[in-house]
Protein backbone atom coordinates (compact mmCIF):
# COMPACT_ATOMS: atom_id res chain seq x y z
CA MET A 1 -67.26 -36.89 47.36
CA ARG A 2 -67.56 -33.08 47.89
CA GLU A 3 -66.51 -33.65 52.04
CA PHE A 4 -63.61 -35.41 50.48
CA LEU A 5 -62.30 -32.92 47.90
CA ASP A 6 -62.72 -29.98 50.26
CA ARG A 7 -61.23 -32.03 53.25
CA ALA A 8 -58.34 -32.88 50.70
CA SER A 9 -58.25 -28.93 49.60
CA LEU A 10 -57.76 -27.69 53.26
CA LYS A 11 -54.45 -29.95 53.42
CA ILE A 12 -52.69 -29.04 50.57
CA PRO A 13 -49.72 -27.08 50.95
CA ILE A 14 -49.74 -23.39 50.92
CA ILE A 15 -53.53 -23.34 49.52
CA GLY A 16 -54.99 -25.20 52.17
CA PRO A 17 -53.95 -22.68 54.82
CA ILE A 18 -55.42 -19.84 52.56
CA LEU A 19 -58.99 -21.79 52.18
CA ASN A 20 -58.81 -22.01 55.72
CA LYS A 21 -58.70 -18.66 56.59
CA ALA A 22 -61.35 -17.89 53.59
CA ALA A 23 -63.85 -19.73 55.18
CA ILE A 24 -63.11 -18.48 58.59
CA ALA A 25 -63.54 -14.84 57.52
CA ARG A 26 -66.42 -15.77 55.69
CA TYR A 27 -68.12 -17.07 59.14
CA ALA A 28 -67.26 -14.15 61.35
CA ARG A 29 -68.18 -11.71 58.83
CA THR A 30 -71.51 -13.46 58.50
CA LEU A 31 -72.55 -14.02 62.15
CA SER A 32 -71.50 -10.81 62.46
CA THR A 33 -73.81 -9.57 60.09
CA MET A 34 -76.44 -11.67 60.99
CA PHE A 35 -76.31 -11.56 64.97
CA SER A 36 -76.51 -7.78 64.77
CA ALA A 37 -79.62 -8.00 62.08
CA GLY A 38 -81.24 -9.38 65.16
CA VAL A 39 -81.48 -12.98 63.92
CA PRO A 40 -81.61 -15.29 67.06
CA LEU A 41 -77.80 -16.92 67.43
CA VAL A 42 -79.17 -20.61 66.59
CA GLU A 43 -80.91 -19.67 63.45
CA ALA A 44 -77.82 -17.32 62.75
CA LEU A 45 -75.65 -20.43 62.66
CA GLU A 46 -77.77 -22.29 60.08
CA SER A 47 -76.87 -19.66 57.65
CA VAL A 48 -73.66 -18.80 58.32
CA ALA A 49 -72.95 -22.70 57.68
CA GLY A 50 -73.68 -22.17 53.71
CA ALA A 51 -71.67 -19.42 54.02
CA THR A 52 -68.29 -20.66 54.83
CA GLY A 53 -67.85 -22.03 51.55
CA ASN A 54 -66.37 -25.67 52.41
CA ILE A 55 -68.60 -28.85 53.12
CA VAL A 56 -66.01 -29.43 56.09
CA TYR A 57 -66.51 -25.68 57.93
CA GLU A 58 -70.34 -26.40 57.03
CA LYS A 59 -70.99 -29.70 58.83
CA ALA A 60 -68.86 -28.03 61.88
CA VAL A 61 -70.61 -24.93 62.18
CA LEU A 62 -74.01 -27.25 61.55
CA ARG A 63 -72.38 -29.05 64.74
CA MET A 64 -72.53 -26.14 66.60
CA ARG A 65 -75.53 -24.94 65.61
CA ASP A 66 -76.55 -28.48 67.50
CA GLU A 67 -74.88 -27.70 70.97
CA VAL A 68 -75.69 -23.93 71.11
CA ALA A 69 -79.66 -25.28 70.51
CA THR A 70 -79.26 -27.37 73.72
CA GLY A 71 -77.45 -24.53 76.00
CA GLN A 72 -73.60 -25.06 75.18
CA ARG A 73 -71.62 -21.93 74.78
CA LEU A 74 -70.88 -21.23 71.01
CA GLN A 75 -67.26 -20.57 72.04
CA ARG A 76 -66.87 -24.25 73.77
CA SER A 77 -68.76 -25.59 70.51
CA MET A 78 -66.13 -23.89 68.50
CA GLU A 79 -63.25 -25.22 70.13
CA ASN A 80 -64.94 -28.94 70.10
CA THR A 81 -64.76 -28.68 66.11
CA GLY A 82 -61.03 -28.27 66.09
CA LEU A 83 -61.15 -25.80 63.14
CA PHE A 84 -60.89 -22.28 64.44
CA PRO A 85 -57.85 -20.68 65.71
CA ASN A 86 -57.17 -19.80 69.68
CA MET A 87 -57.65 -16.46 68.94
CA VAL A 88 -60.52 -16.56 67.25
CA ASN A 89 -62.04 -18.68 69.96
CA GLN A 90 -61.15 -15.98 72.78
CA MET A 91 -62.48 -12.97 70.92
CA ILE A 92 -66.15 -14.79 70.45
CA ALA A 93 -65.92 -15.50 74.65
CA VAL A 94 -65.19 -12.31 75.45
CA GLY A 95 -68.09 -11.78 73.18
CA GLU A 96 -70.28 -13.66 74.73
CA GLU A 97 -69.24 -12.80 78.57
CA SER A 98 -69.79 -9.00 77.62
CA GLY A 99 -73.06 -9.56 75.11
CA SER A 100 -71.46 -8.01 72.00
CA LEU A 101 -71.13 -11.07 70.32
CA ASP A 102 -71.55 -9.38 66.97
CA GLU A 103 -69.60 -6.49 67.89
CA MET A 104 -66.38 -9.20 68.68
CA SER A 105 -67.22 -11.39 65.16
CA ALA A 106 -67.24 -7.98 63.18
CA ARG A 107 -63.58 -6.90 65.50
CA TRP A 108 -61.82 -10.13 65.14
CA ARG A 109 -62.00 -9.10 61.31
CA ARG A 110 -59.98 -5.52 61.74
CA SER A 111 -58.61 -5.78 65.10
CA THR A 112 -54.98 -5.96 66.05
CA SER A 113 -52.51 -8.34 67.39
CA GLY A 114 -48.83 -8.04 67.33
CA GLY A 115 -48.92 -4.96 65.43
CA ARG A 116 -50.56 -6.59 62.27
CA GLN A 117 -54.37 -6.47 61.77
CA CYS A 118 -56.14 -10.52 62.45
CA GLY A 119 -58.49 -10.15 60.20
CA ARG A 120 -56.07 -8.96 57.47
CA ARG A 121 -54.01 -11.47 57.61
CA HIS A 122 -56.89 -14.08 56.92
CA VAL A 123 -58.44 -11.66 54.46
CA GLU A 124 -55.92 -10.54 52.54
CA PRO A 125 -54.44 -13.40 51.18
CA ALA A 126 -57.87 -15.21 49.87
CA ARG A 127 -58.53 -11.92 48.32
CA ALA A 128 -55.51 -11.97 46.29
CA LEU A 129 -56.03 -15.45 45.44
CA ASP A 130 -59.53 -14.68 44.12
CA HIS A 131 -58.01 -11.82 42.36
CA GLY A 132 -55.30 -14.47 40.42
CA ASP A 133 -52.41 -12.86 42.39
CA PRO A 134 -50.86 -15.78 44.12
CA GLY A 135 -47.79 -14.28 45.02
CA ARG A 136 -49.37 -11.94 47.08
CA ALA A 137 -51.62 -14.93 48.63
CA ARG A 138 -48.24 -16.52 50.22
CA GLY A 139 -47.09 -12.68 51.72
CA GLU A 140 -45.20 -11.67 48.85
CA SER A 141 -44.12 -8.01 48.52
CA ARG A 142 -45.78 -6.23 45.17
CA ASP A 143 -43.44 -3.91 45.62
CA ARG A 144 -40.06 -4.39 46.68
CA HIS A 145 -39.27 -1.62 48.52
CA VAL A 146 -42.42 -1.72 51.05
CA PRO A 147 -42.58 -5.26 53.05
CA ALA A 148 -45.41 -7.34 52.55
CA ASP A 149 -46.85 -6.94 55.68
CA LEU A 150 -47.19 -3.18 55.68
CA GLN A 151 -48.60 -3.45 52.58
CA ALA A 152 -51.16 -5.52 53.64
CA ARG A 153 -52.11 -2.31 56.16
CA ILE A 154 -52.35 -0.22 52.86
CA VAL A 155 -54.23 -2.61 50.76
CA VAL A 156 -57.65 -1.87 51.23
């Protein structure tokens, strides 16, 4: 039943994309923390699965863990799930190639793309929803004189 509800909640207009972004942000943050602490990737993915906060993402990360344990690259297993944006997959691929997976998953949250912060684009709407500000979660401006995308850069 929980899987049905979580899968349905990811498809709800307005709220679904925010829940997807929140799960991906938790995934990246937890993976970065675990990997930088020296936890082996397969064990780290097991902990990351529970941190996503959604059974759909949890099961996908556990499948990823099984694929990584058999020798497949993390980036390839992420692509196989179909849940992660291309940008996240590419940054993980760069991290795997350069040997700095922890740094790249942490950088994903704070890097820039097209003048906007990628992680902020995923984290800020979820944070706004947690704080009961659905207007800000949809990207609406709190101050009429400052565009919402500029406020996202200002708000920490």
